[in-house]
Amino acid sequence: MRVWQKLGTFRGESAFGTWLHRLAVNVIIERFRSDATRRQRLIDSENIFDSLSAPARPRDVSLDFEAALEKLPDGAREIFVLHDVDGYKHGEIAELLGISAGTSKAQLHRARMMLRRHLR
């Protein structure tokens, strides 16, 4: 599938087999990177929260993240959860929701700015 998608990038400056080999290597490297990132997110330890430090805040400041999240428009909330919580990439979100990757990026930025405003 990737060969078909990238066929237009073949410039003929090298042998087709060399280009195809490099494409396959790049796909494998990309897969390892995304798997490594996913593994880093999954720390299987009961004491993980003991090792994380929270920023110092005055006691009277309360952040209600869930309430702020509910104030977001549906599209912005959905993309925020898919990207920042579930770890999907913009291309994947675009395919899932039938939108462009640019729309996904714009909605994520909008959601983050609105959350920042609500949580101040």
Protein backbone atom coordinates (compact mmCIF):
# COMPACT_ATOMS: atom_id res chain seq x y z
CA MET A 1 0.00 0.00 0.00
CA ARG A 2 2.77 2.42 0.92
CA VAL A 3 4.55 1.75 -2.39
CA TRP A 4 1.43 2.77 -4.29
CA GLN A 5 1.07 5.93 -2.17
CA LYS A 6 4.72 6.93 -2.56
CA LEU A 7 5.21 5.90 -6.18
CA GLY A 8 5.04 9.53 -7.29
CA THR A 9 8.12 10.35 -5.20
CA PHE A 10 10.33 7.96 -7.19
CA ARG A 11 12.55 10.24 -9.28
CA GLY A 12 14.56 7.60 -11.11
CA GLU A 13 17.89 8.82 -9.71
CA SER A 14 18.55 5.34 -8.33
CA ALA A 15 17.45 1.82 -9.15
CA PHE A 16 13.80 1.08 -8.38
CA GLY A 17 14.89 -1.78 -6.11
CA THR A 18 17.06 0.60 -4.06
CA TRP A 19 14.19 3.05 -3.70
CA LEU A 20 11.82 0.23 -2.75
CA HIS A 21 14.27 -1.10 -0.13
CA ARG A 22 14.65 2.38 1.43
CA LEU A 23 10.88 2.79 1.53
CA ALA A 24 10.52 -0.54 3.34
CA VAL A 25 13.25 0.43 5.82
CA ASN A 26 11.53 3.76 6.49
CA VAL A 27 8.21 2.02 7.14
CA ILE A 28 9.88 -0.30 9.65
CA ILE A 29 11.68 2.58 11.38
CA GLU A 30 8.41 4.52 11.61
CA ARG A 31 6.68 1.48 13.10
CA PHE A 32 9.41 1.00 15.72
CA ARG A 33 9.24 4.68 16.69
CA SER A 34 5.47 4.65 17.11
CA ASP A 35 5.64 1.37 19.07
CA ALA A 36 8.39 2.78 21.30
CA THR A 37 6.32 5.91 21.95
CA ARG A 38 3.30 3.79 22.78
CA ARG A 39 5.36 1.61 25.15
CA GLN A 40 6.72 4.67 26.93
CA ARG A 41 3.16 5.80 27.63
CA LEU A 42 2.30 2.45 29.19
CA ILE A 43 4.10 2.23 32.49
CA ASP A 44 2.78 -0.80 34.32
CA SER A 45 3.50 0.15 37.88
CA GLU A 46 1.20 0.71 40.83
CA ASN A 47 3.56 3.39 42.19
CA ILE A 48 3.68 5.54 39.06
CA PHE A 49 1.70 8.35 40.67
CA ASP A 50 4.08 8.42 43.64
CA SER A 51 6.98 9.22 41.33
CA LEU A 52 5.22 12.04 39.47
CA SER A 53 5.50 15.51 40.87
CA ALA A 54 2.64 17.95 40.65
CA PRO A 55 3.16 21.67 40.17
CA ALA A 56 2.82 23.69 43.35
CA ARG A 57 -0.54 25.46 43.50
CA PRO A 58 -2.32 27.39 46.20
CA ARG A 59 -4.84 25.22 48.03
CA ASP A 60 -7.82 27.39 47.05
CA VAL A 61 -7.26 26.79 43.33
CA SER A 62 -9.32 23.90 42.07
CA LEU A 63 -9.14 22.70 38.52
CA ASP A 64 -12.11 20.82 37.26
CA PHE A 65 -10.76 19.36 34.07
CA GLU A 66 -13.85 17.29 33.33
CA ALA A 67 -16.13 20.32 33.58
CA ALA A 68 -13.80 22.33 31.33
CA LEU A 69 -13.74 19.45 28.84
CA GLU A 70 -17.54 19.39 28.78
CA LYS A 71 -17.59 23.10 27.85
CA LEU A 72 -15.72 22.39 24.61
CA PRO A 73 -17.67 22.15 21.34
CA ASP A 74 -18.26 18.53 20.32
CA GLY A 75 -15.74 18.48 17.44
CA ALA A 76 -12.95 20.08 19.44
CA ARG A 77 -13.59 17.78 22.42
CA GLU A 78 -13.62 14.66 20.25
CA ILE A 79 -10.33 15.55 18.55
CA PHE A 80 -8.71 16.55 21.86
CA VAL A 81 -9.59 13.18 23.40
CA LEU A 82 -8.51 11.21 20.33
CA HIS A 83 -5.16 13.03 20.05
CA ASP A 84 -4.09 13.98 23.58
CA VAL A 85 -5.76 11.19 25.54
CA ASP A 86 -5.90 8.21 23.17
CA GLY A 87 -2.70 9.06 21.27
CA TYR A 88 -4.00 9.05 17.70
CA LYS A 89 -2.09 11.00 15.06
CA HIS A 90 -3.78 13.71 12.99
CA GLY A 91 -3.80 11.51 9.88
CA GLU A 92 -5.54 8.73 11.77
CA ILE A 93 -8.07 11.15 13.26
CA ALA A 94 -8.75 12.55 9.79
CA GLU A 95 -9.52 9.07 8.48
CA LEU A 96 -11.69 8.17 11.47
CA LEU A 97 -13.79 11.32 11.30
CA GLY A 98 -13.75 11.95 7.56
CA ILE A 99 -12.02 15.33 7.86
CA SER A 100 -8.67 16.70 6.73
CA ALA A 101 -5.56 16.50 8.91
CA GLY A 102 -5.44 20.31 8.87
CA THR A 103 -8.94 20.47 10.34
CA SER A 104 -7.85 18.04 13.04
CA LYS A 105 -4.84 20.21 13.90
CA ALA A 106 -6.95 23.38 13.97
CA GLN A 107 -9.60 21.80 16.19
CA LEU A 108 -6.94 20.48 18.58
CA HIS A 109 -5.39 23.94 18.86
CA ARG A 110 -8.84 25.44 19.44
CA ALA A 111 -9.61 22.85 22.14
CA ARG A 112 -6.31 23.46 23.93
CA MET A 113 -6.79 27.23 23.92
CA MET A 114 -10.34 26.92 25.24
CA LEU A 115 -9.24 24.49 27.96
CA ARG A 116 -6.44 26.82 28.97
CA ARG A 117 -8.95 29.67 29.24
CA HIS A 118 -11.43 27.56 31.26
CA LEU A 119 -8.79 26.25 33.65
CA ARG A 120 -7.29 29.63 34.61
